[in-house]
C-alpha atoms as a PDB file:
ATOM      1  CA  GLN A   1      10.502  15.050   6.107  1.00  0.00           C
ATOM      2  CA  VAL A   2       8.012  13.056   3.747  1.00  0.00           C
ATOM      3  CA  GLN A   3       4.416  13.147   3.600  1.00  0.00           C
ATOM      4  CA  LEU A   4       1.912  10.276   2.122  1.00  0.00           C
ATOM      5  CA  ALA A   5      -1.537  10.758   0.974  1.00  0.00           C
ATOM      6  CA  GLU A   6      -3.759   7.658  -0.204  1.00  0.00           C
ATOM      7  CA  SER A   7      -6.439   8.096  -2.598  1.00  0.00           C
ATOM      8  CA  GLY A   8      -8.601   5.484  -4.372  1.00  0.00           C
ATOM      9  CA  GLY A   9     -10.297   4.189  -1.586  1.00  0.00           C
ATOM     10  CA  GLY A  10     -14.219   3.057  -1.911  1.00  0.00           C
ATOM     11  CA  LEU A  11     -17.024   0.561  -2.170  1.00  0.00           C
ATOM     12  CA  VAL A  12     -16.458  -2.199  -4.042  1.00  0.00           C
ATOM     13  CA  GLN A  13     -18.597  -5.017  -4.729  1.00  0.00           C
ATOM     14  CA  ALA A  14     -16.748  -8.859  -4.320  1.00  0.00           C
ATOM     15  CA  GLY A  15     -14.665  -9.871  -7.378  1.00  0.00           C
ATOM     16  CA  GLY A  16     -14.597  -6.359  -8.593  1.00  0.00           C
ATOM     17  CA  SER A  17     -11.369  -4.250  -8.693  1.00  0.00           C
ATOM     18  CA  ALA A  18      -9.819  -1.071  -7.484  1.00  0.00           C
ATOM     19  CA  ARG A  19      -6.574   1.032  -7.412  1.00  0.00           C
ATOM     20  CA  LEU A  20      -5.006   2.965  -4.540  1.00  0.00           C
ATOM     21  CA  SER A  21      -2.613   5.572  -5.305  1.00  0.00           C
ATOM     22  CA  CYS A  22      -0.288   6.895  -2.851  1.00  0.00           C
ATOM     23  CA  ALA A  23       1.854  10.175  -3.552  1.00  0.00           C
ATOM     24  CA  ALA A  24       4.497  10.948  -1.967  1.00  0.00           C
ATOM     25  CA  SER A  25       5.148  14.851  -1.051  1.00  0.00           C
ATOM     26  CA  GLY A  26       7.702  17.290   0.581  1.00  0.00           C
ATOM     27  CA  ARG A  27      11.474  15.742   0.738  1.00  0.00           C
ATOM     28  CA  THR A  28      11.323  13.289  -2.317  1.00  0.00           C
ATOM     29  CA  LEU A  29      14.260  14.006  -4.190  1.00  0.00           C
ATOM     30  CA  THR A  30      15.326  10.658  -2.680  1.00  0.00           C
ATOM     31  CA  PHE A  31      11.744   8.660  -3.254  1.00  0.00           C
ATOM     32  CA  ARG A  32      13.567   6.514  -5.704  1.00  0.00           C
ATOM     33  CA  SER A  33      15.797   4.916  -2.975  1.00  0.00           C
ATOM     34  CA  TYR A  34      12.815   4.332  -1.019  1.00  0.00           C
ATOM     35  CA  ALA A  35      11.202   0.907  -0.069  1.00  0.00           C
ATOM     36  CA  MET A  36       7.218   1.287   0.061  1.00  0.00           C
ATOM     37  CA  GLY A  37       4.674  -0.863   1.343  1.00  0.00           C
ATOM     38  CA  TRP A  38       0.532  -1.264   2.011  1.00  0.00           C
ATOM     39  CA  PHE A  39      -0.673  -2.313   5.251  1.00  0.00           C
ATOM     40  CA  ARG A  40      -4.264  -2.625   6.006  1.00  0.00           C
ATOM     41  CA  GLN A  41      -6.183  -2.700   9.553  1.00  0.00           C
ATOM     42  CA  ALA A  42      -9.824  -4.097   9.661  1.00  0.00           C
ATOM     43  CA  PRO A  43     -11.999  -2.934  12.267  1.00  0.00           C
ATOM     44  CA  GLY A  44     -11.472  -4.870  15.647  1.00  0.00           C
ATOM     45  CA  LYS A  45      -8.095  -5.999  14.238  1.00  0.00           C
ATOM     46  CA  GLU A  46      -4.740  -5.410  14.522  1.00  0.00           C
ATOM     47  CA  ARG A  47      -2.588  -3.934  11.496  1.00  0.00           C
ATOM     48  CA  GLU A  48      -1.495  -6.401   8.671  1.00  0.00           C
ATOM     49  CA  PHE A  49       1.029  -6.349   6.033  1.00  0.00           C
ATOM     50  CA  VAL A  50      -0.585  -6.548   2.653  1.00  0.00           C
ATOM     51  CA  ALA A  51       2.429  -5.629  -0.071  1.00  0.00           C
ATOM     52  CA  ALA A  52       5.931  -3.956  -0.453  1.00  0.00           C
ATOM     53  CA  ILE A  53       8.399  -2.923  -2.984  1.00  0.00           C
ATOM     54  CA  SER A  54      12.036  -2.225  -2.993  1.00  0.00           C
ATOM     55  CA  SER A  55      13.596   0.619  -4.256  1.00  0.00           C
ATOM     56  CA  GLY A  56      14.949  -2.113  -7.088  1.00  0.00           C
ATOM     57  CA  GLY A  57      11.512  -2.850  -7.824  1.00  0.00           C
ATOM     58  CA  SER A  58      11.305  -6.372  -5.594  1.00  0.00           C
ATOM     59  CA  THR A  59       7.929  -7.112  -4.503  1.00  0.00           C
ATOM     60  CA  GLY A  60       6.659  -9.183  -1.746  1.00  0.00           C
ATOM     61  CA  TYR A  61       2.991  -9.860  -0.653  1.00  0.00           C
ATOM     62  CA  ALA A  62       0.899 -11.362   1.882  1.00  0.00           C
ATOM     63  CA  GLU A  63      -0.408 -14.625   1.104  1.00  0.00           C
ATOM     64  CA  SER A  64      -3.681 -13.697   1.443  1.00  0.00           C
ATOM     65  CA  VAL A  65      -3.210 -11.439  -1.577  1.00  0.00           C
ATOM     66  CA  LYS A  66      -1.167 -13.356  -3.415  1.00  0.00           C
ATOM     67  CA  GLY A  67      -2.083 -13.320  -6.843  1.00  0.00           C
ATOM     68  CA  ARG A  68      -5.057 -11.062  -6.653  1.00  0.00           C
ATOM     69  CA  PHE A  69      -2.909  -7.801  -5.580  1.00  0.00           C
ATOM     70  CA  THR A  70       0.023  -6.187  -7.666  1.00  0.00           C
ATOM     71  CA  ILE A  71       2.091  -3.165  -6.134  1.00  0.00           C
ATOM     72  CA  SER A  72       3.939  -0.845  -8.597  1.00  0.00           C
ATOM     73  CA  ARG A  73       5.738   2.069  -8.319  1.00  0.00           C
ATOM     74  CA  ASP A  74       6.552   5.189 -10.833  1.00  0.00           C
ATOM     75  CA  ASN A  75       9.535   7.311  -9.181  1.00  0.00           C
ATOM     76  CA  ALA A  76       8.850  10.191 -11.889  1.00  0.00           C
ATOM     77  CA  LYS A  77       5.914  10.776 -10.145  1.00  0.00           C
ATOM     78  CA  ASN A  78       6.569   9.706  -6.562  1.00  0.00           C
ATOM     79  CA  THR A  79       3.760   7.266  -6.678  1.00  0.00           C
ATOM     80  CA  VAL A  80       3.302   3.848  -5.529  1.00  0.00           C
ATOM     81  CA  TYR A  81       0.306   2.119  -6.532  1.00  0.00           C
ATOM     82  CA  LEU A  82      -1.761  -1.150  -5.258  1.00  0.00           C
ATOM     83  CA  GLN A  83      -3.455  -3.018  -8.165  1.00  0.00           C
ATOM     84  CA  MET A  84      -6.661  -5.195  -6.231  1.00  0.00           C
ATOM     85  CA  ASN A  85      -8.397  -7.417  -8.441  1.00  0.00           C
ATOM     86  CA  SER A  86     -10.709 -10.331  -7.272  1.00  0.00           C
ATOM     87  CA  LEU A  87     -11.228  -8.677  -4.065  1.00  0.00           C
ATOM     88  CA  LYS A  88     -13.386 -10.384  -1.238  1.00  0.00           C
ATOM     89  CA  PRO A  89     -15.274  -8.984   1.793  1.00  0.00           C
ATOM     90  CA  GLU A  90     -12.364  -9.890   3.692  1.00  0.00           C
ATOM     91  CA  ASP A  91     -10.379  -7.443   2.069  1.00  0.00           C
ATOM     92  CA  THR A  92     -12.622  -4.580   4.133  1.00  0.00           C
ATOM     93  CA  ALA A  93     -10.099  -2.069   5.599  1.00  0.00           C
ATOM     94  CA  VAL A  94      -8.472   0.846   6.439  1.00  0.00           C
ATOM     95  CA  TYR A  95      -5.313   0.700   3.697  1.00  0.00           C
ATOM     96  CA  TYR A  96      -2.537   2.875   4.347  1.00  0.00           C
ATOM     97  CA  CYS A  97       0.746   3.551   2.443  1.00  0.00           C
ATOM     98  CA  ALA A  98       3.760   3.446   4.280  1.00  0.00           C
ATOM     99  CA  GLY A  99       7.551   4.583   3.129  1.00  0.00           C
ATOM    100  CA  ARG A 100      11.092   4.025   4.575  1.00  0.00           C
ATOM    101  CA  SER A 101      14.903   5.139   3.679  1.00  0.00           C
ATOM    102  CA  GLY A 102      16.214   2.409   2.929  1.00  0.00           C
ATOM    103  CA  GLY A 103      15.867   0.941  -0.328  1.00  0.00           C
ATOM    104  CA  VAL A 104      15.267  -2.673   1.635  1.00  0.00           C
ATOM    105  CA  TYR A 105      11.504  -3.710   2.415  1.00  0.00           C
ATOM    106  CA  TYR A 106      10.027  -5.262   5.297  1.00  0.00           C
ATOM    107  CA  THR A 107       7.342  -7.021   6.184  1.00  0.00           C
ATOM    108  CA  SER A 108       6.786  -5.164   9.335  1.00  0.00           C
ATOM    109  CA  GLY A 109       5.223  -2.329   9.845  1.00  0.00           C
ATOM    110  CA  THR A 110       7.580  -0.969  12.866  1.00  0.00           C
ATOM    111  CA  GLN A 111      10.466  -1.031   9.989  1.00  0.00           C
ATOM    112  CA  TYR A 112       8.885   2.202   8.178  1.00  0.00           C
ATOM    113  CA  ASP A 113       9.372   5.656   8.521  1.00  0.00           C
ATOM    114  CA  TYR A 114       6.747   7.556   6.947  1.00  0.00           C
ATOM    115  CA  TRP A 115       2.968   6.784   7.014  1.00  0.00           C
ATOM    116  CA  GLY A 116      -0.152   8.423   5.190  1.00  0.00           C
ATOM    117  CA  GLN A 117      -3.280   8.496   6.820  1.00  0.00           C
ATOM    118  CA  GLY A 118      -5.051   5.660   5.619  1.00  0.00           C
ATOM    119  CA  THR A 119      -7.963   5.162   2.798  1.00  0.00           C
ATOM    120  CA  GLN A 120     -11.178   2.764   3.243  1.00  0.00           C
ATOM    121  CA  VAL A 121     -12.045  -0.047   1.057  1.00  0.00           C
ATOM    122  CA  THR A 122     -15.012  -1.827   2.052  1.00  0.00           C
ATOM    123  CA  VAL A 123     -15.928  -4.625  -0.178  1.00  0.00           C
ATOM    124  CA  SER A 124     -19.696  -5.603  -0.201  1.00  0.00           C
ATOM    125  CA  SER A 125     -20.516  -9.269  -0.874  1.00  0.00           C
END
């Protein structure tokens, strides 16, 4: 079993930056073989894909964040990051980290086996 814990959320002004971290614990010997993703859910809206990274380092982004957000991973630290720049009020949401044991990433949350508890990001205008 793998546990995921997000950190780094908070209140940010529009145009500002924030970096989210997701640390994996438990059965992490094979973390490097996992695909990892970030999803978010705003109040009253469905959960949506934000970004993902494969075990080999290939990345994918939602159109709404492309060019502003960057996903990366540090396998030595069993951690995945989401660097968020040029934040907008519409980026306000609870951000969730997710992992799947297969190395290929998907944009659908149903393909992920493990989820964190989420971290709130609020962007003020």
